[in-house]
Protein backbone atom coordinates (compact mmCIF):
# COMPACT_ATOMS: atom_id res chain seq x y z
CA MET A 1 -9.33 22.18 -5.88
CA ILE A 2 -8.33 18.80 -5.14
CA ILE A 3 -5.81 17.75 -7.23
CA CYS A 4 -4.69 13.66 -7.42
CA ILE A 5 -0.95 12.50 -7.72
CA THR A 6 -1.01 9.11 -8.51
CA GLY A 7 1.65 6.99 -10.27
CA LYS A 8 4.22 3.44 -9.24
CA ILE A 9 6.20 3.59 -6.30
CA GLY A 10 9.92 5.69 -6.44
CA THR A 11 8.70 7.51 -9.87
CA GLY A 12 8.58 10.80 -7.13
CA LYS A 13 5.11 11.35 -6.40
CA SER A 14 5.63 13.26 -2.84
CA THR A 15 8.60 15.82 -4.79
CA VAL A 16 5.52 16.47 -6.64
CA SER A 17 3.25 17.05 -3.71
CA ARG A 18 5.46 18.99 -2.51
CA PHE A 19 5.43 20.71 -5.04
CA PHE A 20 1.62 21.76 -4.76
CA GLU A 21 1.71 22.10 -0.73
CA ASN A 22 4.31 24.88 -1.50
CA ARG A 23 1.80 26.50 -2.89
CA GLY A 24 -1.18 26.24 0.00
CA PHE A 25 -2.15 22.88 -1.17
CA VAL A 26 -3.29 20.61 2.07
CA HIS A 27 -0.75 17.46 1.00
CA ILE A 28 -2.71 14.34 2.23
CA ASN A 29 -0.37 11.10 1.51
CA VAL A 30 -3.01 8.41 1.05
CA ASP A 31 0.65 5.95 2.30
CA LYS A 32 0.83 7.83 5.75
CA LEU A 33 -3.33 6.82 5.99
CA GLY A 34 -2.56 3.21 5.57
CA HIS A 35 -0.10 3.26 8.22
CA LYS A 36 -2.77 4.41 10.36
CA ALA A 37 -5.46 1.60 8.96
CA PHE A 38 -2.75 -0.53 9.75
CA GLU A 39 -2.69 0.45 13.22
CA GLU A 40 -6.15 0.40 13.47
CA MET A 41 -6.68 -3.05 12.11
CA LYS A 42 -3.66 -5.11 13.90
CA GLU A 43 -5.99 -7.82 15.26
CA ASP A 44 -7.16 -8.70 11.77
CA ILE A 45 -3.59 -7.73 10.52
CA LEU A 46 -2.24 -10.71 13.08
CA ASN A 47 -5.05 -12.95 12.97
CA ALA A 48 -4.74 -13.13 8.83
CA PHE A 49 -0.43 -13.13 8.36
CA GLY A 50 0.66 -14.32 12.24
CA THR A 51 2.31 -11.13 12.56
CA THR A 52 1.54 -7.22 12.45
CA ASP A 53 5.44 -6.26 12.00
CA ARG A 54 4.68 -4.04 9.06
CA LYS A 55 7.68 -5.38 7.24
CA LYS A 56 7.10 -8.97 7.11
CA VAL A 57 3.97 -8.58 5.93
CA GLY A 58 5.02 -6.29 3.28
CA GLU A 59 7.79 -9.03 2.30
CA ILE A 60 4.66 -11.32 2.62
CA VAL A 61 2.01 -9.73 0.31
CA PHE A 62 4.40 -8.51 -2.14
CA ARG A 63 5.60 -11.73 -3.42
CA ASP A 64 2.30 -13.13 -2.98
CA LYS A 65 -0.69 -11.81 -5.19
CA SER A 66 -3.61 -13.45 -2.99
CA LYS A 67 -1.56 -12.12 0.08
CA LEU A 68 -2.06 -8.99 -0.86
CA SER A 69 -5.18 -8.75 -1.77
CA LEU A 70 -6.12 -10.92 1.78
CA LEU A 71 -4.22 -7.05 3.00
CA GLU A 72 -5.97 -5.36 0.73
CA SER A 73 -9.84 -6.33 1.75
CA ILE A 74 -8.56 -5.78 5.25
CA LEU A 75 -7.23 -1.69 4.93
CA HIS A 76 -8.71 -0.23 2.22
CA PRO A 77 -12.11 -0.03 3.73
CA LYS A 78 -9.92 1.61 5.95
CA MET A 79 -7.87 3.52 4.38
CA LYS A 80 -11.33 5.19 2.35
CA GLU A 81 -12.94 5.76 5.46
CA LEU A 82 -9.54 8.02 7.01
CA LEU A 83 -9.34 9.83 3.65
CA MET A 84 -13.15 10.85 3.27
CA GLU A 85 -12.75 12.01 6.67
CA GLU A 86 -9.23 13.94 6.49
CA ILE A 87 -10.72 15.77 2.53
CA LYS A 88 -14.74 16.31 5.04
CA LYS A 89 -11.88 18.16 7.35
CA TYR A 90 -10.17 20.17 5.08
CA ASN A 91 -13.42 21.21 2.95
CA GLY A 92 -13.05 24.24 1.33
CA ARG A 93 -9.44 24.12 0.87
CA ASN A 94 -7.21 23.31 -1.35
CA ILE A 95 -6.20 19.69 -1.18
CA VAL A 96 -2.97 17.74 -3.13
CA ILE A 97 -3.62 13.98 -2.54
CA GLU A 98 -0.80 11.33 -3.04
CA ALA A 99 -1.81 7.96 -3.60
CA ALA A 100 -0.09 5.26 -5.98
CA ILE A 101 -3.13 2.99 -5.39
CA LYS A 102 -6.03 5.65 -6.50
CA ARG A 103 -7.92 3.17 -8.65
CA ARG A 104 -7.69 0.54 -6.38
CA LEU A 105 -9.23 2.29 -4.21
CA LYS A 106 -11.57 4.02 -6.27
CA ILE A 107 -10.70 7.49 -5.44
CA ASN A 108 -12.49 9.93 -7.42
CA CYS A 109 -13.10 13.44 -6.28
CA CYS A 110 -10.37 14.78 -8.10
CA ASP A 111 -10.67 17.77 -10.39
CA ILE A 112 -7.02 17.39 -11.78
CA VAL A 113 -5.32 14.19 -11.62
CA ILE A 114 -1.61 13.97 -12.40
CA THR A 115 0.35 10.82 -13.01
CA VAL A 116 3.96 10.75 -11.79
CA VAL A 117 6.19 8.07 -14.56
CA SER A 118 9.65 7.11 -14.38
CA THR A 119 11.63 4.27 -16.12
CA PRO A 120 12.04 1.03 -13.94
CA ASN A 121 15.95 1.60 -14.28
CA LYS A 122 15.18 5.57 -12.59
CA ILE A 123 13.24 3.82 -10.78
CA LYS A 124 15.31 0.86 -8.95
CA GLU A 125 18.41 3.72 -9.10
CA ARG A 126 16.04 5.81 -6.61
CA LEU A 127 14.66 2.82 -4.30
CA ARG A 128 18.19 0.30 -3.96
CA GLU A 129 19.21 1.84 -0.71
CA ARG A 130 15.74 0.87 0.92
CA TYR A 131 14.56 -2.77 -1.10
CA SER A 132 16.51 -5.39 -2.70
CA ASP A 133 16.54 -5.76 -6.70
CA ASP A 134 14.12 -8.33 -6.36
CA LEU A 135 11.90 -7.04 -3.80
CA ILE A 136 11.07 -4.01 -6.17
CA ASN A 137 10.70 -6.13 -9.07
CA GLU A 138 7.99 -7.45 -7.20
CA ILE A 139 6.59 -4.11 -6.23
CA LEU A 140 6.22 -2.77 -9.53
CA LYS A 141 4.71 -5.90 -10.92
CA ASN A 142 1.83 -5.93 -8.13
CA GLN A 143 1.87 -2.46 -9.63
CA GLU A 144 0.94 -3.06 -12.75
CA ASP A 145 -2.63 -1.76 -12.41
CA ILE A 146 -1.33 1.71 -11.99
CA ILE A 147 -2.16 3.37 -15.16
CA GLU A 148 -1.23 6.83 -16.67
CA GLU A 149 -4.60 9.00 -16.79
CA GLY A 150 -4.66 12.61 -16.79
CA ILE A 151 -2.04 14.92 -17.04
CA ILE A 152 1.53 12.26 -17.56
CA ILE A 153 5.17 14.12 -16.31
CA GLU A 154 7.58 12.23 -16.82
CA ASN A 155 10.04 12.05 -13.88
CA ILE A 156 13.64 11.03 -15.00
CA GLY A 157 15.87 13.91 -15.00
CA THR A 158 16.86 16.05 -11.90
CA ILE A 159 14.70 17.80 -9.32
CA GLU A 160 15.15 21.35 -11.47
CA GLU A 161 13.96 20.08 -14.83
CA LEU A 162 10.96 18.19 -12.36
CA GLU A 163 10.37 21.94 -10.81
CA THR A 164 9.89 23.45 -14.60
CA LYS A 165 7.60 20.50 -15.79
CA LEU A 166 5.50 21.11 -12.76
CA ASN A 167 5.85 25.05 -12.73
CA LYS A 168 3.91 24.63 -16.96
CA VAL A 169 1.54 22.05 -14.99
CA TRP A 170 1.18 24.82 -12.81
CA GLU A 171 0.45 27.97 -15.30
CA GLU A 172 -1.45 26.40 -17.90
CA TYR A 173 -3.76 24.08 -16.18
CA ILE A 174 -3.88 24.96 -11.82
CA LYS A 175 -2.91 28.44 -11.51
CA ASP A 176 -5.57 30.75 -12.21
CA LYS A 177 -8.69 27.85 -11.44
CA VAL A 178 -7.41 28.06 -7.26
CA GLY A 179 -7.28 31.59 -6.19
CA ILE A 180 -4.20 31.36 -4.75
């Protein structure tokens, strides 16, 4: 079984993915594949942005939609290739794919999709230590195409409340289908 976890930044996708990892699923994090793709495509990125510093490139692309599209045109084909390699490597195992940009990458191998949602204020609260409010707003603006699909999990409370919701999803939709 392949479960895809999607949602905007700061909604709790990693926490949800770990829930399934703790139940024996192989966890594939598409952001990490993006970092690997970035390393492999450094020459193209340098030519396009004049730097290979990920933080600087991030600041450029999250403030300019055309630059984001350019970066995606460089990275997405490599990311999709790396993802397919990972899925093939773990063929026959239960897999959880954590992918905010599931739709942009056209990931369509999911048996179940779970979208994690939260309020803008809760997202900002979670991200304030890493990003300025202005950058958070820009990132969220660039994630407007991340829409709810599949099973919707609202994550606005405690970890325990999220676990309760995930246990319900596990019992209702997944447990009997994965042979665990």
